[in-house]
């Protein structure tokens, strides 16, 4: 789902509940939410999404890997990685 589709569905969903926000305002709210989530994850924190799961940033240590094409060793530096852990109810709905 692309950003425009997400905003359109969100707009329709809240309109059902009698809330009248413009698509531009929803886009601004979505961007603000994404900025806040990103900032927390960049700092090494975790974000709980109720009913969905948790996003957590994890430090991955540097290590040597093999380039599959050439077979030579390549060093992959340490970096942050985002891990998603679905909630129990979310996992049950998927299966």
PDB file of N, CA and C in Angstrom:
ATOM      1  N   UNK A   1       0.847  -1.169   0.000  1.00  0.00           N
ATOM      2  CA  UNK A   1       0.000   0.000   0.000  1.00  0.00           C
ATOM      3  C   UNK A   1       0.895   1.234   0.000  1.00  0.00           C
ATOM      4  N   UNK A   2       0.631   2.108  -0.903  1.00  0.00           N
ATOM      5  CA  UNK A   2       1.404   3.339  -1.007  1.00  0.00           C
ATOM      6  C   UNK A   2       0.832   4.401  -0.071  1.00  0.00           C
ATOM      7  N   UNK A   3       1.596   5.471   0.118  1.00  0.00           N
ATOM      8  CA  UNK A   3       1.216   6.528   1.043  1.00  0.00           C
ATOM      9  C   UNK A   3      -0.147   7.123   0.706  1.00  0.00           C
ATOM     10  N   UNK A   4      -0.397   7.410  -0.562  1.00  0.00           N
ATOM     11  CA  UNK A   4      -1.675   8.002  -0.973  1.00  0.00           C
ATOM     12  C   UNK A   4      -2.846   7.070  -0.681  1.00  0.00           C
ATOM     13  N   UNK A   5      -2.635   5.767  -0.911  1.00  0.00           N
ATOM     14  CA  UNK A   5      -3.690   4.785  -0.630  1.00  0.00           C
ATOM     15  C   UNK A   5      -3.957   4.685   0.869  1.00  0.00           C
ATOM     16  N   UNK A   6      -2.891   4.729   1.661  1.00  0.00           N
ATOM     17  CA  UNK A   6      -3.029   4.677   3.107  1.00  0.00           C
ATOM     18  C   UNK A   6      -3.823   5.881   3.615  1.00  0.00           C
ATOM     19  N   UNK A   7      -3.497   7.052   3.140  1.00  0.00           N
ATOM     20  CA  UNK A   7      -4.196   8.264   3.571  1.00  0.00           C
ATOM     21  C   UNK A   7      -5.656   8.213   3.138  1.00  0.00           C
ATOM     22  N   UNK A   8      -5.924   7.726   1.942  1.00  0.00           N
ATOM     23  CA  UNK A   8      -7.307   7.626   1.463  1.00  0.00           C
ATOM     24  C   UNK A   8      -8.128   6.683   2.352  1.00  0.00           C
ATOM     25  N   UNK A   9      -7.579   5.505   2.669  1.00  0.00           N
ATOM     26  CA  UNK A   9      -8.296   4.553   3.525  1.00  0.00           C
ATOM     27  C   UNK A   9      -8.485   5.109   4.931  1.00  0.00           C
ATOM     28  N   UNK A  10      -7.457   5.773   5.430  1.00  0.00           N
ATOM     29  CA  UNK A  10      -7.524   6.383   6.757  1.00  0.00           C
ATOM     30  C   UNK A  10      -8.610   7.457   6.778  1.00  0.00           C
ATOM     31  N   UNK A  11      -8.648   8.270   5.732  1.00  0.00           N
ATOM     32  CA  UNK A  11      -9.655   9.325   5.603  1.00  0.00           C
ATOM     33  C   UNK A  11     -11.066   8.730   5.605  1.00  0.00           C
ATOM     34  N   UNK A  12     -11.267   7.652   4.853  1.00  0.00           N
ATOM     35  CA  UNK A  12     -12.575   6.987   4.800  1.00  0.00           C
ATOM     36  C   UNK A  12     -12.947   6.408   6.159  1.00  0.00           C
ATOM     37  N   UNK A  13     -11.979   5.808   6.847  1.00  0.00           N
ATOM     38  CA  UNK A  13     -12.240   5.166   8.137  1.00  0.00           C
ATOM     39  C   UNK A  13     -12.656   6.186   9.192  1.00  0.00           C
ATOM     40  N   UNK A  14     -11.946   7.306   9.258  1.00  0.00           N
ATOM     41  CA  UNK A  14     -12.311   8.289  10.285  1.00  0.00           C
ATOM     42  C   UNK A  14     -13.577   9.045   9.910  1.00  0.00           C
ATOM     43  N   UNK A  15     -13.875   9.145   8.604  1.00  0.00           N
ATOM     44  CA  UNK A  15     -15.113   9.800   8.179  1.00  0.00           C
ATOM     45  C   UNK A  15     -16.328   8.994   8.637  1.00  0.00           C
ATOM     46  N   UNK A  16     -16.178   7.662   8.707  1.00  0.00           N
ATOM     47  CA  UNK A  16     -17.254   6.807   9.202  1.00  0.00           C
ATOM     48  C   UNK A  16     -17.596   7.130  10.653  1.00  0.00           C
ATOM     49  N   UNK A  17     -16.601   7.596  11.399  1.00  0.00           N
ATOM     50  CA  UNK A  17     -16.794   7.930  12.812  1.00  0.00           C
ATOM     51  C   UNK A  17     -17.144   9.396  13.028  1.00  0.00           C
ATOM     52  N   UNK A  18     -17.417  10.110  11.955  1.00  0.00           N
ATOM     53  CA  UNK A  18     -17.841  11.503  12.052  1.00  0.00           C
ATOM     54  C   UNK A  18     -16.718  12.508  12.224  1.00  0.00           C
ATOM     55  N   UNK A  19     -15.477  12.083  12.007  1.00  0.00           N
ATOM     56  CA  UNK A  19     -14.339  13.000  12.119  1.00  0.00           C
ATOM     57  C   UNK A  19     -14.011  13.513  10.730  1.00  0.00           C
ATOM     58  N   UNK A  20     -13.876  14.818  10.608  1.00  0.00           N
ATOM     59  CA  UNK A  20     -13.696  15.424   9.296  1.00  0.00           C
ATOM     60  C   UNK A  20     -12.324  16.094   9.200  1.00  0.00           C
ATOM     61  N   UNK A  21     -11.297  15.311   8.878  1.00  0.00           N
ATOM     62  CA  UNK A  21      -9.964  15.840   8.623  1.00  0.00           C
ATOM     63  C   UNK A  21      -9.711  15.809   7.122  1.00  0.00           C
ATOM     64  N   UNK A  22      -8.990  16.793   6.655  1.00  0.00           N
ATOM     65  CA  UNK A  22      -8.638  16.810   5.235  1.00  0.00           C
ATOM     66  C   UNK A  22      -7.509  15.819   4.985  1.00  0.00           C
ATOM     67  N   UNK A  23      -7.357  15.432   3.728  1.00  0.00           N
ATOM     68  CA  UNK A  23      -6.282  14.505   3.355  1.00  0.00           C
ATOM     69  C   UNK A  23      -4.920  15.150   3.618  1.00  0.00           C
ATOM     70  N   UNK A  24      -4.820  16.464   3.430  1.00  0.00           N
ATOM     71  CA  UNK A  24      -3.554  17.161   3.675  1.00  0.00           C
ATOM     72  C   UNK A  24      -3.189  17.107   5.158  1.00  0.00           C
ATOM     73  N   UNK A  25      -4.187  17.254   6.024  1.00  0.00           N
ATOM     74  CA  UNK A  25      -3.919  17.187   7.466  1.00  0.00           C
ATOM     75  C   UNK A  25      -3.504  15.768   7.871  1.00  0.00           C
ATOM     76  N   UNK A  26      -4.166  14.766   7.309  1.00  0.00           N
ATOM     77  CA  UNK A  26      -3.805  13.386   7.607  1.00  0.00           C
ATOM     78  C   UNK A  26      -2.392  13.076   7.129  1.00  0.00           C
ATOM     79  N   UNK A  27      -2.024  13.618   5.975  1.00  0.00           N
ATOM     80  CA  UNK A  27      -0.668  13.415   5.464  1.00  0.00           C
ATOM     81  C   UNK A  27       0.348  14.035   6.415  1.00  0.00           C
ATOM     82  N   UNK A  28       0.047  15.231   6.935  1.00  0.00           N
ATOM     83  CA  UNK A  28       0.929  15.889   7.882  1.00  0.00           C
ATOM     84  C   UNK A  28       1.041  15.062   9.173  1.00  0.00           C
ATOM     85  N   UNK A  29      -0.065  14.508   9.645  1.00  0.00           N
ATOM     86  CA  UNK A  29      -0.053  13.672  10.846  1.00  0.00           C
ATOM     87  C   UNK A  29       0.761  12.395  10.622  1.00  0.00           C
ATOM     88  N   UNK A  30       0.598  11.781   9.459  1.00  0.00           N
ATOM     89  CA  UNK A  30       1.344  10.567   9.133  1.00  0.00           C
ATOM     90  C   UNK A  30       2.845  10.847   9.088  1.00  0.00           C
ATOM     91  N   UNK A  31       3.243  11.938   8.456  1.00  0.00           N
ATOM     92  CA  UNK A  31       4.658  12.292   8.374  1.00  0.00           C
ATOM     93  C   UNK A  31       5.228  12.589   9.756  1.00  0.00           C
ATOM     94  N   UNK A  32       4.443  13.247  10.597  1.00  0.00           N
ATOM     95  CA  UNK A  32       4.876  13.545  11.953  1.00  0.00           C
ATOM     96  C   UNK A  32       5.055  12.253  12.756  1.00  0.00           C
ATOM     97  N   UNK A  33       4.110  11.325  12.613  1.00  0.00           N
ATOM     98  CA  UNK A  33       4.205  10.038  13.291  1.00  0.00           C
ATOM     99  C   UNK A  33       5.449   9.271  12.832  1.00  0.00           C
ATOM    100  N   UNK A  34       5.673   9.234  11.539  1.00  0.00           N
ATOM    101  CA  UNK A  34       6.840   8.516  10.990  1.00  0.00           C
ATOM    102  C   UNK A  34       8.148   9.142  11.465  1.00  0.00           C
ATOM    103  N   UNK A  35       8.203  10.472  11.530  1.00  0.00           N
ATOM    104  CA  UNK A  35       9.400  11.151  12.022  1.00  0.00           C
ATOM    105  C   UNK A  35       9.667  10.799  13.481  1.00  0.00           C
ATOM    106  N   UNK A  36       8.602  10.761  14.288  1.00  0.00           N
ATOM    107  CA  UNK A  36       8.736  10.438  15.704  1.00  0.00           C
ATOM    108  C   UNK A  36       9.200   8.996  15.893  1.00  0.00           C
ATOM    109  N   UNK A  37       8.595   8.068  15.146  1.00  0.00           N
ATOM    110  CA  UNK A  37       8.990   6.660  15.231  1.00  0.00           C
ATOM    111  C   UNK A  37      10.440   6.481  14.791  1.00  0.00           C
ATOM    112  N   UNK A  38      10.820   7.105  13.699  1.00  0.00           N
ATOM    113  CA  UNK A  38      12.188   7.001  13.183  1.00  0.00           C
ATOM    114  C   UNK A  38      13.199   7.518  14.197  1.00  0.00           C
ATOM    115  N   UNK A  39      12.898   8.672  14.805  1.00  0.00           N
ATOM    116  CA  UNK A  39      13.818   9.262  15.782  1.00  0.00           C
ATOM    117  C   UNK A  39      14.032   8.307  16.948  1.00  0.00           C
ATOM    118  N   UNK A  40      12.963   7.698  17.439  1.00  0.00           N
ATOM    119  CA  UNK A  40      13.081   6.756  18.551  1.00  0.00           C
ATOM    120  C   UNK A  40      13.909   5.535  18.150  1.00  0.00           C
ATOM    121  N   UNK A  41      13.691   5.012  16.958  1.00  0.00           N
ATOM    122  CA  UNK A  41      14.436   3.833  16.502  1.00  0.00           C
ATOM    123  C   UNK A  41      15.898   4.162  16.232  1.00  0.00           C
ATOM    124  N   UNK A  42      16.193   5.364  15.707  1.00  0.00           N
ATOM    125  CA  UNK A  42      17.582   5.764  15.454  1.00  0.00           C
ATOM    126  C   UNK A  42      18.360   5.884  16.757  1.00  0.00           C
ATOM    127  N   UNK A  43      17.669   6.185  17.864  1.00  0.00           N
ATOM    128  CA  UNK A  43      18.321   6.305  19.163  1.00  0.00           C
ATOM    129  C   UNK A  43      18.494   4.946  19.845  1.00  0.00           C
ATOM    130  N   UNK A  44      18.039   3.882  19.191  1.00  0.00           N
ATOM    131  CA  UNK A  44      18.193   2.550  19.751  1.00  0.00           C
ATOM    132  C   UNK A  44      17.028   2.110  20.613  1.00  0.00           C
ATOM    133  N   UNK A  45      15.921   2.818  20.553  1.00  0.00           N
ATOM    134  CA  UNK A  45      14.756   2.479  21.370  1.00  0.00           C
ATOM    135  C   UNK A  45      13.839   1.490  20.695  1.00  0.00           C
ATOM    136  N   UNK A  46      12.655   1.353  21.292  1.00  0.00           N
ATOM    137  CA  UNK A  46      11.644   0.480  20.707  1.00  0.00           C
ATOM    138  C   UNK A  46      10.307   1.198  20.719  1.00  0.00           C
ATOM    139  N   UNK A  47       9.445   0.827  19.771  1.00  0.00           N
ATOM    140  CA  UNK A  47       8.141   1.459  19.614  1.00  0.00           C
ATOM    141  C   UNK A  47       7.077   0.375  19.634  1.00  0.00           C
ATOM    142  N   UNK A  48       6.092   0.564  20.498  1.00  0.00           N
ATOM    143  CA  UNK A  48       4.980  -0.379  20.599  1.00  0.00           C
ATOM    144  C   UNK A  48       3.828   0.115  19.740  1.00  0.00           C
ATOM    145  N   UNK A  49       3.314  -0.746  18.882  1.00  0.00           N
ATOM    146  CA  UNK A  49       2.154  -0.425  18.064  1.00  0.00           C
ATOM    147  C   UNK A  49       1.004  -1.295  18.566  1.00  0.00           C
ATOM    148  N   UNK A  50       0.085  -0.730  19.350  1.00  0.00           N
ATOM    149  CA  UNK A  50      -0.970  -1.524  19.981  1.00  0.00           C
ATOM    150  C   UNK A  50      -1.759  -2.362  18.975  1.00  0.00           C
ATOM    151  N   UNK A  51      -1.881  -3.646  19.276  1.00  0.00           N
ATOM    152  CA  UNK A  51      -2.621  -4.557  18.422  1.00  0.00           C
ATOM    153  C   UNK A  51      -1.839  -5.074  17.227  1.00  0.00           C
ATOM    154  N   UNK A  52      -0.642  -4.531  17.011  1.00  0.00           N
ATOM    155  CA  UNK A  52       0.170  -4.935  15.858  1.00  0.00           C
ATOM    156  C   UNK A  52       1.460  -5.609  16.314  1.00  0.00           C
ATOM    157  N   UNK A  53       2.231  -4.918  17.152  1.00  0.00           N
ATOM    158  CA  UNK A  53       3.481  -5.493  17.633  1.00  0.00           C
ATOM    159  C   UNK A  53       4.459  -4.424  18.052  1.00  0.00           C
ATOM    160  N   UNK A  54       5.739  -4.779  18.054  1.00  0.00           N
ATOM    161  CA  UNK A  54       6.800  -3.863  18.463  1.00  0.00           C
ATOM    162  C   UNK A  54       7.848  -3.744  17.376  1.00  0.00           C
ATOM    163  N   UNK A  55       8.333  -2.528  17.206  1.00  0.00           N
ATOM    164  CA  UNK A  55       9.501  -2.269  16.373  1.00  0.00           C
ATOM    165  C   UNK A  55      10.641  -1.966  17.325  1.00  0.00           C
ATOM    166  N   UNK A  56      11.772  -2.607  17.109  1.00  0.00           N
ATOM    167  CA  UNK A  56      12.904  -2.420  18.000  1.00  0.00           C
ATOM    168  C   UNK A  56      14.170  -2.331  17.165  1.00  0.00           C
ATOM    169  N   UNK A  57      15.036  -1.384  17.507  1.00  0.00           N
ATOM    170  CA  UNK A  57      16.310  -1.308  16.792  1.00  0.00           C
ATOM    171  C   UNK A  57      17.351  -2.104  17.565  1.00  0.00           C
ATOM    172  N   UNK A  58      18.139  -2.856  16.828  1.00  0.00           N
ATOM    173  CA  UNK A  58      19.136  -3.745  17.404  1.00  0.00           C
ATOM    174  C   UNK A  58      20.477  -3.440  16.741  1.00  0.00           C
ATOM    175  N   UNK A  59      21.532  -3.377  17.547  1.00  0.00           N
ATOM    176  CA  UNK A  59      22.870  -3.153  17.014  1.00  0.00           C
ATOM    177  C   UNK A  59      23.431  -4.479  16.495  1.00  0.00           C
ATOM    178  N   UNK A  60      23.800  -4.513  15.231  1.00  0.00           N
ATOM    179  CA  UNK A  60      24.393  -5.704  14.619  1.00  0.00           C
ATOM    180  C   UNK A  60      25.899  -5.476  14.563  1.00  0.00           C
ATOM    181  N   UNK A  61      26.692  -6.376  15.141  1.00  0.00           N
ATOM    182  CA  UNK A  61      28.149  -6.182  15.139  1.00  0.00           C
ATOM    183  C   UNK A  61      28.746  -6.347  13.735  1.00  0.00           C
ATOM    184  N   UNK A  62      29.890  -5.726  13.527  1.00  0.00           N
ATOM    185  CA  UNK A  62      30.601  -5.882  12.257  1.00  0.00           C
ATOM    186  C   UNK A  62      31.093  -7.312  12.096  1.00  0.00           C
ATOM    187  N   UNK A  63      31.171  -7.775  10.868  1.00  0.00           N
ATOM    188  CA  UNK A  63      31.594  -9.154  10.642  1.00  0.00           C
ATOM    189  C   UNK A  63      32.110  -9.316   9.214  1.00  0.00           C
ATOM    190  N   UNK A  64      32.867 -10.386   8.998  1.00  0.00           N
ATOM    191  CA  UNK A  64      33.341 -10.725   7.658  1.00  0.00           C
ATOM    192  C   UNK A  64      32.298 -11.592   6.975  1.00  0.00           C
ATOM    193  N   UNK A  65      32.031 -11.317   5.737  1.00  0.00           N
ATOM    194  CA  UNK A  65      31.095 -12.105   4.924  1.00  0.00           C
ATOM    195  C   UNK A  65      31.794 -12.459   3.623  1.00  0.00           C
ATOM    196  N   UNK A  66      31.203 -13.376   2.876  1.00  0.00           N
ATOM    197  CA  UNK A  66      31.732 -13.744   1.567  1.00  0.00           C
ATOM    198  C   UNK A  66      30.865 -13.147   0.477  1.00  0.00           C
ATOM    199  N   UNK A  67      31.500 -12.541  -0.499  1.00  0.00           N
ATOM    200  CA  UNK A  67      30.791 -12.049  -1.669  1.00  0.00           C
ATOM    201  C   UNK A  67      30.418 -13.280  -2.489  1.00  0.00           C
ATOM    202  N   UNK A  68      29.121 -13.555  -2.703  1.00  0.00           N
ATOM    203  CA  UNK A  68      28.734 -14.779  -3.399  1.00  0.00           C
ATOM    204  C   UNK A  68      29.183 -14.821  -4.855  1.00  0.00           C
ATOM    205  N   UNK A  69      29.356 -13.666  -5.453  1.00  0.00           N
ATOM    206  CA  UNK A  69      29.746 -13.622  -6.858  1.00  0.00           C
ATOM    207  C   UNK A  69      31.228 -13.919  -7.055  1.00  0.00           C
ATOM    208  N   UNK A  70      32.066 -13.326  -6.182  1.00  0.00           N
ATOM    209  CA  UNK A  70      33.512 -13.475  -6.363  1.00  0.00           C
ATOM    210  C   UNK A  70      34.149 -14.420  -5.356  1.00  0.00           C
ATOM    211  N   UNK A  71      33.472 -14.656  -4.235  1.00  0.00           N
ATOM    212  CA  UNK A  71      34.016 -15.531  -3.210  1.00  0.00           C
ATOM    213  C   UNK A  71      35.014 -14.845  -2.287  1.00  0.00           C
ATOM    214  N   UNK A  72      35.272 -13.535  -2.505  1.00  0.00           N
ATOM    215  CA  UNK A  72      36.229 -12.844  -1.653  1.00  0.00           C
ATOM    216  C   UNK A  72      35.567 -12.385  -0.347  1.00  0.00           C
ATOM    217  N   UNK A  73      36.390 -12.231   0.689  1.00  0.00           N
ATOM    218  CA  UNK A  73      35.892 -11.767   1.978  1.00  0.00           C
ATOM    219  C   UNK A  73      35.622 -10.270   1.916  1.00  0.00           C
ATOM    220  N   UNK A  74      34.491  -9.883   2.515  1.00  0.00           N
ATOM    221  CA  UNK A  74      34.119  -8.472   2.578  1.00  0.00           C
ATOM    222  C   UNK A  74      33.724  -8.183   4.018  1.00  0.00           C
ATOM    223  N   UNK A  75      34.210  -7.071   4.569  1.00  0.00           N
ATOM    224  CA  UNK A  75      33.838  -6.706   5.932  1.00  0.00           C
ATOM    225  C   UNK A  75      32.564  -5.868   5.883  1.00  0.00           C
ATOM    226  N   UNK A  76      31.560  -6.302   6.650  1.00  0.00           N
ATOM    227  CA  UNK A  76      30.308  -5.550   6.787  1.00  0.00           C
ATOM    228  C   UNK A  76      30.380  -4.835   8.132  1.00  0.00           C
ATOM    229  N   UNK A  77      30.391  -3.488   8.134  1.00  0.00           N
ATOM    230  CA  UNK A  77      30.537  -2.755   9.397  1.00  0.00           C
ATOM    231  C   UNK A  77      29.307  -2.902  10.301  1.00  0.00           C
ATOM    232  N   UNK A  78      29.489  -2.587  11.572  1.00  0.00           N
ATOM    233  CA  UNK A  78      28.390  -2.620  12.535  1.00  0.00           C
ATOM    234  C   UNK A  78      27.321  -1.614  12.112  1.00  0.00           C
ATOM    235  N   UNK A  79      26.052  -1.966  12.360  1.00  0.00           N
ATOM    236  CA  UNK A  79      24.965  -1.086  11.969  1.00  0.00           C
ATOM    237  C   UNK A  79      23.713  -1.388  12.793  1.00  0.00           C
ATOM    238  N   UNK A  80      22.752  -0.454  12.742  1.00  0.00           N
ATOM    239  CA  UNK A  80      21.468  -0.669  13.391  1.00  0.00           C
ATOM    240  C   UNK A  80      20.535  -1.390  12.435  1.00  0.00           C
ATOM    241  N   UNK A  81      19.715  -2.263  13.005  1.00  0.00           N
ATOM    242  CA  UNK A  81      18.749  -3.017  12.224  1.00  0.00           C
ATOM    243  C   UNK A  81      17.419  -2.930  12.964  1.00  0.00           C
ATOM    244  N   UNK A  82      16.331  -2.772  12.235  1.00  0.00           N
ATOM    245  CA  UNK A  82      15.011  -2.720  12.852  1.00  0.00           C
ATOM    246  C   UNK A  82      14.389  -4.111  12.793  1.00  0.00           C
ATOM    247  N   UNK A  83      13.904  -4.574  13.950  1.00  0.00           N
ATOM    248  CA  UNK A  83      13.287  -5.888  14.078  1.00  0.00           C
ATOM    249  C   UNK A  83      11.824  -5.683  14.450  1.00  0.00           C
ATOM    250  N   UNK A  84      10.938  -6.435  13.809  1.00  0.00           N
ATOM    251  CA  UNK A  84       9.508  -6.377  14.106  1.00  0.00           C
ATOM    252  C   UNK A  84       9.096  -7.655  14.808  1.00  0.00           C
ATOM    253  N   UNK A  85       8.434  -7.506  15.946  1.00  0.00           N
ATOM    254  CA  UNK A  85       7.894  -8.655  16.681  1.00  0.00           C
ATOM    255  C   UNK A  85       6.387  -8.483  16.745  1.00  0.00           C
ATOM    256  N   UNK A  86       5.646  -9.298  16.023  1.00  0.00           N
ATOM    257  CA  UNK A  86       4.188  -9.163  16.020  1.00  0.00           C
ATOM    258  C   UNK A  86       3.584  -9.525  17.375  1.00  0.00           C
ATOM    259  N   UNK A  87       2.462  -8.865  17.696  1.00  0.00           N
ATOM    260  CA  UNK A  87       1.758  -9.203  18.929  1.00  0.00           C
ATOM    261  C   UNK A  87       1.075 -10.561  18.764  1.00  0.00           C
ATOM    262  N   UNK A  88       0.661 -11.126  19.871  1.00  0.00           N
ATOM    263  CA  UNK A  88       0.028 -12.435  19.836  1.00  0.00           C
ATOM    264  C   UNK A  88      -1.260 -12.391  19.015  1.00  0.00           C
ATOM    265  N   UNK A  89      -2.092 -11.364  19.231  1.00  0.00           N
ATOM    266  CA  UNK A  89      -3.360 -11.279  18.496  1.00  0.00           C
ATOM    267  C   UNK A  89      -3.124 -11.063  17.010  1.00  0.00           C
ATOM    268  N   UNK A  90      -2.099 -10.279  16.676  1.00  0.00           N
ATOM    269  CA  UNK A  90      -1.779 -10.040  15.265  1.00  0.00           C
ATOM    270  C   UNK A  90      -1.316 -11.330  14.599  1.00  0.00           C
ATOM    271  N   UNK A  91      -0.468 -12.094  15.295  1.00  0.00           N
ATOM    272  CA  UNK A  91       0.020 -13.370  14.759  1.00  0.00           C
ATOM    273  C   UNK A  91      -1.117 -14.349  14.551  1.00  0.00           C
ATOM    274  N   UNK A  92      -2.036 -14.395  15.511  1.00  0.00           N
ATOM    275  CA  UNK A  92      -3.174 -15.297  15.403  1.00  0.00           C
ATOM    276  C   UNK A  92      -4.075 -14.943  14.216  1.00  0.00           C
ATOM    277  N   UNK A  93      -4.239 -13.657  13.962  1.00  0.00           N
ATOM    278  CA  UNK A  93      -5.071 -13.227  12.822  1.00  0.00           C
ATOM    279  C   UNK A  93      -4.417 -13.562  11.497  1.00  0.00           C
ATOM    280  N   UNK A  94      -3.077 -13.568  11.459  1.00  0.00           N
ATOM    281  CA  UNK A  94      -2.379 -13.916  10.223  1.00  0.00           C
ATOM    282  C   UNK A  94      -2.519 -15.390   9.897  1.00  0.00           C
ATOM    283  N   UNK A  95      -2.580 -16.223  10.907  1.00  0.00           N
ATOM    284  CA  UNK A  95      -2.615 -17.667  10.692  1.00  0.00           C
ATOM    285  C   UNK A  95      -3.978 -18.165  10.761  1.00  0.00           C
TER     286      UNK A  95
END
